[in-house]
Amino acid sequence: MVFKNEFSWSKSRDGTFGECKRKYFFNHYGFWDGWIASEDDRIKRIYYLKKLATKELWMGSVVHGVIEFILRRFRVGEEVSLGHALAVLRKRMESDFAISKLKEYTGFMSKAHRFFEDEYGIEISDEERKGLGQKAEKCLRNFYNSDIFMEIRRTPVEDWITLEDFLSFDFEGTQVYLSIDFAMKVGDEVILYDWKTGGERKADYKLQLSLYALYVSEKLGIPADRIKARMFYLALGESGKVDSFEVDSEGLEEVREYLRASVLEMKKLLVDVTENEAVEEDFEKSEGFWCSRCNFRKVCLEGWGT
């Protein structure tokens, strides 16, 4: 099967575009076909580097994965104790640390986990590793003991709408992708939930929740005033913190306008919009602060080798 690189939009793609155009190129165009053994070595390297994750992002993804595991088991009638969930969390974290240390670049496709820090020779100290584990466990405990989890468990599973699914909807000819942590019906309303393992960034999260609400409105035909959103900051305070977000028709129109403008800016840099073709030299580097935490330093900046 031949895969075609189709143009699409996501919040993470939009964020990368605003951060650095060259990084955006590597992340969405330069890696293409890097999973093919006969492909150019540089393309294979870009594909490999695209998969790196910083320790903070990785920790968040592991916590999300275990929460998803808990909810999926509950959906089919199986209870998962907190002790069992913590054991799953620790096993996944220990495994990923071990695999990342063992793995070396081969220039070909690999699903094995690799830390950004290990790839670029940045030591993750025993103290940092312990701290990541403690924070992850705190996040999981706070979720498990929360009123939100209790509310979810009291809600009939037939009223659950989505659970960490990879979702998409068509927006004026462009596929928009997103992943909602959890959503369910409560009476005549839809409640959207998002778990966060980091700090508060309300301006950034407002766009994310507005996109979720737009998806629900577009796909399910739910009026804006019947969509509610809750952001659960799992690591804040002693038991986490919950912020509520109100959705209205004006807010949905604002996110539509944002989407139109973002899609237009991305397409302006393509050499062929119809075929979604891009050339690396057309995407400027934003050299400076972002470079120190960029996955693609080894193929972008001089002095980092190939």
Foldseek 3Di string as FASTA:
>chain_A
DDDAQADAAELVLLVVCVVFQLLSCLLRPLLPPLQPPPDDLLSVLSVVLNQADALVVVLFVLLLVLVLVQVVCVLVPHHDDLVNSLVSSVVVLVLLVVQQQPDDDDSHDDPRYHHLCSVVVNDCDPVNSVVSSVLSSQLSVLCVPDPVVVVVSPDRSVFWDDAQDFDWDDQPNHIYTDGFHTWGDDPLAIETEDEASDDDDPVSVLLVVLVVLLCCCVVVVRAQQRYKYKYWHSRPDNRTDIDIDGTHPVSNVVSSVVVVVSVVVVQVQAPDNVSRHHDSVSIGGPPDDVLVVRSCCCPPPPPNDD
